[in-house]
PDB file of all heavy atoms in Angstrom:
ATOM      1  N   LEU A   1       4.987  -2.784  -9.932  1.00  0.00           N
ATOM      2  CA  LEU A   1       3.779  -2.547 -10.716  1.00  0.00           C
ATOM      3  C   LEU A   1       3.997  -2.887 -12.186  1.00  0.00           C
ATOM      4  O   LEU A   1       3.197  -3.607 -12.797  1.00  0.00           O
ATOM      5  CB  LEU A   1       3.351  -1.083 -10.584  1.00  0.00           C
ATOM      6  CG  LEU A   1       2.170  -0.649 -11.458  1.00  0.00           C
ATOM      7  CD1 LEU A   1       0.877  -1.284 -10.960  1.00  0.00           C
ATOM      8  CD2 LEU A   1       2.048   0.868 -11.476  1.00  0.00           C
ATOM      9  N   LEU A   2       5.078  -2.384 -12.766  1.00  0.00           N
ATOM     10  CA  LEU A   2       5.351  -2.616 -14.188  1.00  0.00           C
ATOM     11  C   LEU A   2       5.719  -4.065 -14.473  1.00  0.00           C
ATOM     12  O   LEU A   2       5.582  -4.542 -15.599  1.00  0.00           O
ATOM     13  CB  LEU A   2       6.473  -1.686 -14.669  1.00  0.00           C
ATOM     14  CG  LEU A   2       6.164  -0.184 -14.619  1.00  0.00           C
ATOM     15  CD1 LEU A   2       7.358   0.618 -15.120  1.00  0.00           C
ATOM     16  CD2 LEU A   2       4.916   0.151 -15.434  1.00  0.00           C
ATOM     17  N   SER A   3       6.198  -4.773 -13.447  1.00  0.00           N
ATOM     18  CA  SER A   3       6.553  -6.192 -13.589  1.00  0.00           C
ATOM     19  C   SER A   3       5.379  -7.094 -13.242  1.00  0.00           C
ATOM     20  O   SER A   3       5.507  -8.321 -13.304  1.00  0.00           O
ATOM     21  CB  SER A   3       7.735  -6.535 -12.670  1.00  0.00           C
ATOM     22  OG  SER A   3       8.827  -5.674 -12.881  1.00  0.00           O
ATOM     23  N   GLU A   4       4.260  -6.503 -12.815  1.00  0.00           N
ATOM     24  CA  GLU A   4       3.072  -7.242 -12.379  1.00  0.00           C
ATOM     25  C   GLU A   4       3.412  -8.177 -11.218  1.00  0.00           C
ATOM     26  O   GLU A   4       2.987  -9.328 -11.168  1.00  0.00           O
ATOM     27  CB  GLU A   4       2.450  -8.008 -13.547  1.00  0.00           C
ATOM     28  CG  GLU A   4       1.950  -7.093 -14.655  1.00  0.00           C
ATOM     29  CD  GLU A   4       1.147  -7.813 -15.720  1.00  0.00           C
ATOM     30  OE1 GLU A   4       1.767  -8.394 -16.626  1.00  0.00           O
ATOM     31  OE2 GLU A   4      -0.097  -7.799 -15.632  1.00  0.00           O
ATOM     32  N   GLY A   5       4.195  -7.625 -10.281  1.00  0.00           N
ATOM     33  CA  GLY A   5       4.537  -8.356  -9.065  1.00  0.00           C
ATOM     34  C   GLY A   5       3.859  -7.724  -7.855  1.00  0.00           C
ATOM     35  O   GLY A   5       3.000  -6.848  -7.993  1.00  0.00           O
ATOM     36  N   HIS A   6       4.257  -8.163  -6.650  1.00  0.00           N
ATOM     37  CA  HIS A   6       3.662  -7.663  -5.417  1.00  0.00           C
ATOM     38  C   HIS A   6       4.759  -7.307  -4.432  1.00  0.00           C
ATOM     39  O   HIS A   6       5.902  -7.772  -4.564  1.00  0.00           O
ATOM     40  CB  HIS A   6       2.716  -8.702  -4.819  1.00  0.00           C
ATOM     41  CG  HIS A   6       1.678  -9.176  -5.791  1.00  0.00           C
ATOM     42  ND1 HIS A   6       0.599  -8.411  -6.157  1.00  0.00           N
ATOM     43  CD2 HIS A   6       1.582 -10.333  -6.503  1.00  0.00           C
ATOM     44  CE1 HIS A   6      -0.122  -9.067  -7.040  1.00  0.00           C
ATOM     45  NE2 HIS A   6       0.450 -10.232  -7.270  1.00  0.00           N
ATOM     46  N   VAL A   7       4.409  -6.489  -3.445  1.00  0.00           N
ATOM     47  CA  VAL A   7       5.408  -5.908  -2.556  1.00  0.00           C
ATOM     48  C   VAL A   7       5.058  -6.151  -1.096  1.00  0.00           C
ATOM     49  O   VAL A   7       3.896  -6.015  -0.693  1.00  0.00           O
ATOM     50  CB  VAL A   7       5.533  -4.387  -2.801  1.00  0.00           C
ATOM     51  CG1 VAL A   7       6.539  -3.764  -1.839  1.00  0.00           C
ATOM     52  CG2 VAL A   7       5.943  -4.104  -4.233  1.00  0.00           C
ATOM     53  N   LEU A   8       6.069  -6.495  -0.312  1.00  0.00           N
ATOM     54  CA  LEU A   8       5.947  -6.593   1.141  1.00  0.00           C
ATOM     55  C   LEU A   8       6.771  -5.462   1.742  1.00  0.00           C
ATOM     56  O   LEU A   8       7.968  -5.360   1.488  1.00  0.00           O
ATOM     57  CB  LEU A   8       6.461  -7.944   1.644  1.00  0.00           C
ATOM     58  CG  LEU A   8       6.444  -8.171   3.160  1.00  0.00           C
ATOM     59  CD1 LEU A   8       5.023  -8.156   3.688  1.00  0.00           C
ATOM     60  CD2 LEU A   8       7.131  -9.493   3.511  1.00  0.00           C
ATOM     61  N   ILE A   9       6.107  -4.581   2.498  1.00  0.00           N
ATOM     62  CA  ILE A   9       6.795  -3.456   3.136  1.00  0.00           C
ATOM     63  C   ILE A   9       6.897  -3.719   4.631  1.00  0.00           C
ATOM     64  O   ILE A   9       5.897  -3.982   5.294  1.00  0.00           O
ATOM     65  CB  ILE A   9       6.051  -2.126   2.900  1.00  0.00           C
ATOM     66  CG1 ILE A   9       5.996  -1.805   1.399  1.00  0.00           C
ATOM     67  CG2 ILE A   9       6.738  -0.990   3.642  1.00  0.00           C
ATOM     68  CD1 ILE A   9       5.273  -0.497   1.086  1.00  0.00           C
ATOM     69  N   GLU A  10       8.116  -3.660   5.137  1.00  0.00           N
ATOM     70  CA  GLU A  10       8.344  -3.874   6.569  1.00  0.00           C
ATOM     71  C   GLU A  10       8.815  -2.575   7.197  1.00  0.00           C
ATOM     72  O   GLU A  10       9.750  -1.937   6.710  1.00  0.00           O
ATOM     73  CB  GLU A  10       9.389  -4.971   6.782  1.00  0.00           C
ATOM     74  CG  GLU A  10       9.569  -5.363   8.238  1.00  0.00           C
ATOM     75  CD  GLU A  10      10.523  -6.540   8.395  1.00  0.00           C
ATOM     76  OE1 GLU A  10      11.742  -6.314   8.330  1.00  0.00           O
ATOM     77  OE2 GLU A  10      10.045  -7.676   8.574  1.00  0.00           O
ATOM     78  N   GLY A  11       8.150  -2.182   8.264  1.00  0.00           N
ATOM     79  CA  GLY A  11       8.532  -0.953   8.940  1.00  0.00           C
ATOM     80  C   GLY A  11       7.678  -0.731  10.169  1.00  0.00           C
ATOM     81  O   GLY A  11       6.544  -1.200  10.248  1.00  0.00           O
ATOM     82  N   ILE A  12       8.211  -0.003  11.126  1.00  0.00           N
ATOM     83  CA  ILE A  12       7.483   0.274  12.358  1.00  0.00           C
ATOM     84  C   ILE A  12       6.329   1.232  12.052  1.00  0.00           C
ATOM     85  O   ILE A  12       6.316   1.890  11.013  1.00  0.00           O
ATOM     86  CB  ILE A  12       8.405   0.875  13.435  1.00  0.00           C
ATOM     87  CG1 ILE A  12       8.960   2.231  12.963  1.00  0.00           C
ATOM     88  CG2 ILE A  12       9.525  -0.081  13.779  1.00  0.00           C
ATOM     89  CD1 ILE A  12       9.701   2.981  14.040  1.00  0.00           C
ATOM     90  N   PRO A  13       5.335   1.325  12.946  1.00  0.00           N
ATOM     91  CA  PRO A  13       4.230   2.269  12.717  1.00  0.00           C
ATOM     92  C   PRO A  13       4.731   3.708  12.631  1.00  0.00           C
ATOM     93  O   PRO A  13       5.686   4.089  13.314  1.00  0.00           O
ATOM     94  CB  PRO A  13       3.345   2.072  13.955  1.00  0.00           C
ATOM     95  CG  PRO A  13       3.668   0.702  14.448  1.00  0.00           C
ATOM     96  CD  PRO A  13       5.120   0.499  14.152  1.00  0.00           C
ATOM     97  N   GLY A  14       4.089   4.481  11.763  1.00  0.00           N
ATOM     98  CA  GLY A  14       4.386   5.903  11.693  1.00  0.00           C
ATOM     99  C   GLY A  14       5.445   6.316  10.699  1.00  0.00           C
ATOM    100  O   GLY A  14       5.884   7.474  10.704  1.00  0.00           O
ATOM    101  N   VAL A  15       5.878   5.381   9.814  1.00  0.00           N
ATOM    102  CA  VAL A  15       6.896   5.748   8.823  1.00  0.00           C
ATOM    103  C   VAL A  15       6.289   5.938   7.434  1.00  0.00           C
ATOM    104  O   VAL A  15       6.978   5.870   6.426  1.00  0.00           O
ATOM    105  CB  VAL A  15       8.051   4.704   8.775  1.00  0.00           C
ATOM    106  CG1 VAL A  15       8.865   4.769  10.034  1.00  0.00           C
ATOM    107  CG2 VAL A  15       7.508   3.296   8.525  1.00  0.00           C
ATOM    108  N   ALA A  16       4.985   6.167   7.386  1.00  0.00           N
ATOM    109  CA  ALA A  16       4.263   6.565   6.164  1.00  0.00           C
ATOM    110  C   ALA A  16       4.018   5.432   5.180  1.00  0.00           C
ATOM    111  O   ALA A  16       3.864   5.672   3.990  1.00  0.00           O
ATOM    112  CB  ALA A  16       4.994   7.710   5.460  1.00  0.00           C
ATOM    113  N   LYS A  17       3.917   4.190   5.668  1.00  0.00           N
ATOM    114  CA  LYS A  17       3.659   3.068   4.754  1.00  0.00           C
ATOM    115  C   LYS A  17       2.313   3.244   4.038  1.00  0.00           C
ATOM    116  O   LYS A  17       2.228   3.108   2.815  1.00  0.00           O
ATOM    117  CB  LYS A  17       3.676   1.741   5.535  1.00  0.00           C
ATOM    118  CG  LYS A  17       5.001   1.426   6.211  1.00  0.00           C
ATOM    119  CD  LYS A  17       5.012   0.038   6.803  1.00  0.00           C
ATOM    120  CE  LYS A  17       4.029  -0.155   7.943  1.00  0.00           C
ATOM    121  NZ  LYS A  17       4.386   0.609   9.146  1.00  0.00           N
ATOM    122  N   THR A  18       1.268   3.536   4.810  1.00  0.00           N
ATOM    123  CA  THR A  18      -0.059   3.693   4.223  1.00  0.00           C
ATOM    124  C   THR A  18      -0.140   4.939   3.349  1.00  0.00           C
ATOM    125  O   THR A  18      -0.731   4.920   2.262  1.00  0.00           O
ATOM    126  CB  THR A  18      -1.126   3.765   5.327  1.00  0.00           C
ATOM    127  OG1 THR A  18      -1.052   2.580   6.134  1.00  0.00           O
ATOM    128  CG2 THR A  18      -2.521   3.878   4.742  1.00  0.00           C
ATOM    129  N   THR A  19       0.458   6.028   3.795  1.00  0.00           N
ATOM    130  CA  THR A  19       0.447   7.275   3.024  1.00  0.00           C
ATOM    131  C   THR A  19       1.107   7.072   1.671  1.00  0.00           C
ATOM    132  O   THR A  19       0.608   7.558   0.640  1.00  0.00           O
ATOM    133  CB  THR A  19       1.180   8.386   3.797  1.00  0.00           C
ATOM    134  OG1 THR A  19       0.542   8.573   5.061  1.00  0.00           O
ATOM    135  CG2 THR A  19       1.163   9.690   3.025  1.00  0.00           C
ATOM    136  N   ILE A  20       2.228   6.365   1.654  1.00  0.00           N
ATOM    137  CA  ILE A  20       2.935   6.107   0.393  1.00  0.00           C
ATOM    138  C   ILE A  20       2.061   5.287  -0.547  1.00  0.00           C
ATOM    139  O   ILE A  20       1.947   5.591  -1.736  1.00  0.00           O
ATOM    140  CB  ILE A  20       4.269   5.379   0.666  1.00  0.00           C
ATOM    141  CG1 ILE A  20       5.251   6.314   1.382  1.00  0.00           C
ATOM    142  CG2 ILE A  20       4.884   4.859  -0.631  1.00  0.00           C
ATOM    143  CD1 ILE A  20       6.496   5.615   1.899  1.00  0.00           C
ATOM    144  N   ALA A  21       1.434   4.229  -0.018  1.00  0.00           N
ATOM    145  CA  ALA A  21       0.602   3.359  -0.857  1.00  0.00           C
ATOM    146  C   ALA A  21      -0.571   4.129  -1.457  1.00  0.00           C
ATOM    147  O   ALA A  21      -0.880   3.986  -2.650  1.00  0.00           O
ATOM    148  CB  ALA A  21       0.093   2.179  -0.034  1.00  0.00           C
ATOM    149  N   LYS A  22      -1.230   4.963  -0.651  1.00  0.00           N
ATOM    150  CA  LYS A  22      -2.364   5.749  -1.142  1.00  0.00           C
ATOM    151  C   LYS A  22      -1.926   6.762  -2.193  1.00  0.00           C
ATOM    152  O   LYS A  22      -2.570   6.910  -3.241  1.00  0.00           O
ATOM    153  CB  LYS A  22      -3.045   6.465   0.029  1.00  0.00           C
ATOM    154  CG  LYS A  22      -3.883   5.571   0.922  1.00  0.00           C
ATOM    155  CD  LYS A  22      -4.566   6.407   2.001  1.00  0.00           C
ATOM    156  CE  LYS A  22      -5.487   5.558   2.858  1.00  0.00           C
ATOM    157  NZ  LYS A  22      -6.129   6.368   3.935  1.00  0.00           N
ATOM    158  N   ALA A  23      -0.843   7.476  -1.914  1.00  0.00           N
ATOM    159  CA  ALA A  23      -0.367   8.489  -2.858  1.00  0.00           C
ATOM    160  C   ALA A  23       0.089   7.845  -4.163  1.00  0.00           C
ATOM    161  O   ALA A  23      -0.165   8.377  -5.252  1.00  0.00           O
ATOM    162  CB  ALA A  23       0.784   9.293  -2.230  1.00  0.00           C
ATOM    163  N   PHE A  24       0.729   6.702  -4.062  1.00  0.00           N
ATOM    164  CA  PHE A  24       1.205   5.996  -5.249  1.00  0.00           C
ATOM    165  C   PHE A  24       0.037   5.573  -6.133  1.00  0.00           C
ATOM    166  O   PHE A  24       0.039   5.792  -7.347  1.00  0.00           O
ATOM    167  CB  PHE A  24       2.026   4.779  -4.816  1.00  0.00           C
ATOM    168  CG  PHE A  24       2.550   3.949  -5.955  1.00  0.00           C
ATOM    169  CD1 PHE A  24       3.638   4.371  -6.684  1.00  0.00           C
ATOM    170  CD2 PHE A  24       1.956   2.737  -6.283  1.00  0.00           C
ATOM    171  CE1 PHE A  24       4.134   3.608  -7.741  1.00  0.00           C
ATOM    172  CE2 PHE A  24       2.426   1.972  -7.327  1.00  0.00           C
ATOM    173  CZ  PHE A  24       3.526   2.407  -8.059  1.00  0.00           C
ATOM    174  N   SER A  25      -0.982   4.957  -5.522  1.00  0.00           N
ATOM    175  CA  SER A  25      -2.128   4.492  -6.311  1.00  0.00           C
ATOM    176  C   SER A  25      -2.881   5.668  -6.928  1.00  0.00           C
ATOM    177  O   SER A  25      -3.385   5.581  -8.055  1.00  0.00           O
ATOM    178  CB  SER A  25      -3.078   3.663  -5.444  1.00  0.00           C
ATOM    179  OG  SER A  25      -3.643   4.454  -4.413  1.00  0.00           O
ATOM    180  N   ARG A  26      -2.950   6.784  -6.212  1.00  0.00           N
ATOM    181  CA  ARG A  26      -3.627   7.966  -6.741  1.00  0.00           C
ATOM    182  C   ARG A  26      -2.866   8.542  -7.937  1.00  0.00           C
ATOM    183  O   ARG A  26      -3.467   8.931  -8.942  1.00  0.00           O
ATOM    184  CB  ARG A  26      -3.750   9.013  -5.634  1.00  0.00           C
ATOM    185  CG  ARG A  26      -4.424  10.323  -6.063  1.00  0.00           C
ATOM    186  CD  ARG A  26      -5.849  10.101  -6.493  1.00  0.00           C
ATOM    187  NE  ARG A  26      -6.488  11.349  -6.911  1.00  0.00           N
ATOM    188  CZ  ARG A  26      -7.595  11.397  -7.639  1.00  0.00           C
ATOM    189  NH1 ARG A  26      -8.206  10.290  -8.007  1.00  0.00           N
ATOM    190  NH2 ARG A  26      -8.116  12.561  -7.980  1.00  0.00           N
ATOM    191  N   ALA A  27      -1.546   8.574  -7.846  1.00  0.00           N
ATOM    192  CA  ALA A  27      -0.736   9.160  -8.913  1.00  0.00           C
ATOM    193  C   ALA A  27      -0.809   8.357 -10.202  1.00  0.00           C
ATOM    194  O   ALA A  27      -0.666   8.913 -11.297  1.00  0.00           O
ATOM    195  CB  ALA A  27       0.712   9.294  -8.455  1.00  0.00           C
ATOM    196  N   ILE A  28      -1.013   7.048 -10.091  1.00  0.00           N
ATOM    197  CA  ILE A  28      -1.090   6.232 -11.309  1.00  0.00           C
ATOM    198  C   ILE A  28      -2.546   5.994 -11.725  1.00  0.00           C
ATOM    199  O   ILE A  28      -2.812   5.219 -12.644  1.00  0.00           O
ATOM    200  CB  ILE A  28      -0.364   4.882 -11.114  1.00  0.00           C
ATOM    201  CG1 ILE A  28      -0.874   4.144  -9.887  1.00  0.00           C
ATOM    202  CG2 ILE A  28       1.140   5.083 -11.045  1.00  0.00           C
ATOM    203  CD1 ILE A  28      -0.188   2.815  -9.631  1.00  0.00           C
ATOM    204  N   GLY A  29      -3.481   6.677 -11.055  1.00  0.00           N
ATOM    205  CA  GLY A  29      -4.869   6.673 -11.476  1.00  0.00           C
ATOM    206  C   GLY A  29      -5.584   5.347 -11.337  1.00  0.00           C
ATOM    207  O   GLY A  29      -6.504   5.049 -12.106  1.00  0.00           O
ATOM    208  N   LEU A  30      -5.209   4.554 -10.352  1.00  0.00           N
ATOM    209  CA  LEU A  30      -5.812   3.236 -10.184  1.00  0.00           C
ATOM    210  C   LEU A  30      -6.717   3.197  -8.957  1.00  0.00           C
ATOM    211  O   LEU A  30      -6.549   3.969  -8.012  1.00  0.00           O
ATOM    212  CB  LEU A  30      -4.717   2.168 -10.044  1.00  0.00           C
ATOM    213  CG  LEU A  30      -3.792   1.976 -11.241  1.00  0.00           C
ATOM    214  CD1 LEU A  30      -2.759   0.897 -10.952  1.00  0.00           C
ATOM    215  CD2 LEU A  30      -4.582   1.599 -12.490  1.00  0.00           C
ATOM    216  N   SER A  31      -7.667   2.267  -8.979  1.00  0.00           N
ATOM    217  CA  SER A  31      -8.543   2.080  -7.822  1.00  0.00           C
ATOM    218  C   SER A  31      -7.740   1.514  -6.659  1.00  0.00           C
ATOM    219  O   SER A  31      -6.799   0.742  -6.852  1.00  0.00           O
ATOM    220  CB  SER A  31      -9.704   1.151  -8.171  1.00  0.00           C
ATOM    221  OG  SER A  31      -9.223  -0.128  -8.576  1.00  0.00           O
ATOM    222  N   PHE A  32      -8.129   1.905  -5.452  1.00  0.00           N
ATOM    223  CA  PHE A  32      -7.358   1.544  -4.252  1.00  0.00           C
ATOM    224  C   PHE A  32      -8.302   1.035  -3.172  1.00  0.00           C
ATOM    225  O   PHE A  32      -9.397   1.561  -2.988  1.00  0.00           O
ATOM    226  CB  PHE A  32      -6.604   2.780  -3.749  1.00  0.00           C
ATOM    227  CG  PHE A  32      -5.893   2.583  -2.432  1.00  0.00           C
ATOM    228  CD1 PHE A  32      -4.640   2.011  -2.377  1.00  0.00           C
ATOM    229  CD2 PHE A  32      -6.504   2.981  -1.237  1.00  0.00           C
ATOM    230  CE1 PHE A  32      -3.985   1.837  -1.161  1.00  0.00           C
ATOM    231  CE2 PHE A  32      -5.857   2.809  -0.025  1.00  0.00           C
ATOM    232  CZ  PHE A  32      -4.590   2.243   0.006  1.00  0.00           C
ATOM    233  N   SER A  33      -7.872  -0.011  -2.475  1.00  0.00           N
ATOM    234  CA  SER A  33      -8.630  -0.466  -1.299  1.00  0.00           C
ATOM    235  C   SER A  33      -7.648  -0.871  -0.212  1.00  0.00           C
ATOM    236  O   SER A  33      -6.530  -1.309  -0.502  1.00  0.00           O
ATOM    237  CB  SER A  33      -9.547  -1.642  -1.645  1.00  0.00           C
ATOM    238  OG  SER A  33      -8.800  -2.807  -1.894  1.00  0.00           O
ATOM    239  N   ARG A  34      -8.094  -0.700   1.015  1.00  0.00           N
ATOM    240  CA  ARG A  34      -7.251  -1.049   2.166  1.00  0.00           C
ATOM    241  C   ARG A  34      -7.942  -2.111   2.990  1.00  0.00           C
ATOM    242  O   ARG A  34      -9.126  -1.975   3.318  1.00  0.00           O
ATOM    243  CB  ARG A  34      -6.987   0.190   3.016  1.00  0.00           C
ATOM    244  CG  ARG A  34      -6.193  -0.106   4.281  1.00  0.00           C
ATOM    245  CD  ARG A  34      -6.028   1.143   5.132  1.00  0.00           C
ATOM    246  NE  ARG A  34      -5.327   0.871   6.363  1.00  0.00           N
ATOM    247  CZ  ARG A  34      -5.092   1.772   7.316  1.00  0.00           C
ATOM    248  NH1 ARG A  34      -5.518   3.008   7.159  1.00  0.00           N
ATOM    249  NH2 ARG A  34      -4.446   1.435   8.418  1.00  0.00           N
ATOM    250  N   ILE A  35      -7.208  -3.159   3.316  1.00  0.00           N
ATOM    251  CA  ILE A  35      -7.722  -4.225   4.169  1.00  0.00           C
ATOM    252  C   ILE A  35      -6.917  -4.214   5.463  1.00  0.00           C
ATOM    253  O   ILE A  35      -5.704  -4.456   5.438  1.00  0.00           O
ATOM    254  CB  ILE A  35      -7.598  -5.605   3.496  1.00  0.00           C
ATOM    255  CG1 ILE A  35      -8.263  -5.600   2.119  1.00  0.00           C
ATOM    256  CG2 ILE A  35      -8.202  -6.690   4.380  1.00  0.00           C
ATOM    257  CD1 ILE A  35      -7.991  -6.857   1.310  1.00  0.00           C
ATOM    258  N   GLN A  36      -7.569  -3.884   6.564  1.00  0.00           N
ATOM    259  CA  GLN A  36      -6.894  -3.916   7.865  1.00  0.00           C
ATOM    260  C   GLN A  36      -7.007  -5.332   8.404  1.00  0.00           C
ATOM    261  O   GLN A  36      -8.080  -5.750   8.847  1.00  0.00           O
ATOM    262  CB  GLN A  36      -7.527  -2.914   8.822  1.00  0.00           C
ATOM    263  CG  GLN A  36      -6.815  -2.813  10.159  1.00  0.00           C
ATOM    264  CD  GLN A  36      -5.393  -2.287  10.022  1.00  0.00           C
ATOM    265  OE1 GLN A  36      -5.168  -1.244   9.433  1.00  0.00           O
ATOM    266  NE2 GLN A  36      -4.431  -3.023  10.572  1.00  0.00           N
ATOM    267  N   LEU A  37      -5.916  -6.062   8.341  1.00  0.00           N
ATOM    268  CA  LEU A  37      -5.958  -7.473   8.721  1.00  0.00           C
ATOM    269  C   LEU A  37      -5.903  -7.625  10.233  1.00  0.00           C
ATOM    270  O   LEU A  37      -5.082  -7.003  10.908  1.00  0.00           O
ATOM    271  CB  LEU A  37      -4.807  -8.223   8.056  1.00  0.00           C
ATOM    272  CG  LEU A  37      -5.008  -8.348   6.539  1.00  0.00           C
ATOM    273  CD1 LEU A  37      -3.699  -8.265   5.793  1.00  0.00           C
ATOM    274  CD2 LEU A  37      -5.722  -9.634   6.213  1.00  0.00           C
ATOM    275  N   THR A  38      -6.803  -8.468  10.755  1.00  0.00           N
ATOM    276  CA  THR A  38      -6.896  -8.728  12.183  1.00  0.00           C
ATOM    277  C   THR A  38      -7.087 -10.229  12.389  1.00  0.00           C
ATOM    278  O   THR A  38      -7.458 -10.951  11.449  1.00  0.00           O
ATOM    279  CB  THR A  38      -8.087  -7.973  12.803  1.00  0.00           C
ATOM    280  OG1 THR A  38      -9.289  -8.330  12.093  1.00  0.00           O
ATOM    281  CG2 THR A  38      -7.890  -6.467  12.715  1.00  0.00           C
ATOM    282  N   PRO A  39      -6.869 -10.736  13.615  1.00  0.00           N
ATOM    283  CA  PRO A  39      -6.999 -12.183  13.849  1.00  0.00           C
ATOM    284  C   PRO A  39      -8.382 -12.751  13.559  1.00  0.00           C
ATOM    285  O   PRO A  39      -8.517 -13.934  13.242  1.00  0.00           O
ATOM    286  CB  PRO A  39      -6.649 -12.321  15.340  1.00  0.00           C
ATOM    287  CG  PRO A  39      -5.756 -11.162  15.625  1.00  0.00           C
ATOM    288  CD  PRO A  39      -6.294 -10.040  14.786  1.00  0.00           C
ATOM    289  N   ASP A  40      -9.432 -11.921  13.649  1.00  0.00           N
ATOM    290  CA  ASP A  40     -10.784 -12.438  13.434  1.00  0.00           C
ATOM    291  C   ASP A  40     -11.268 -12.267  11.995  1.00  0.00           C
ATOM    292  O   ASP A  40     -12.417 -12.601  11.681  1.00  0.00           O
ATOM    293  CB  ASP A  40     -11.774 -11.767  14.396  1.00  0.00           C
ATOM    294  CG  ASP A  40     -11.834 -10.249  14.208  1.00  0.00           C
ATOM    295  OD1 ASP A  40     -10.930  -9.701  13.538  1.00  0.00           O
ATOM    296  OD2 ASP A  40     -12.772  -9.624  14.743  1.00  0.00           O
TER     297      ASP A  40
END
């Protein structure tokens, strides 16, 4: 965030990837959106 870069998180389902992202964005007071990517 401070370097104005982007992050790729790799992990199996259920290890709190989404929870971490939401909590992180909330703590730094920024707007947040989630895109569930699918083939269509």
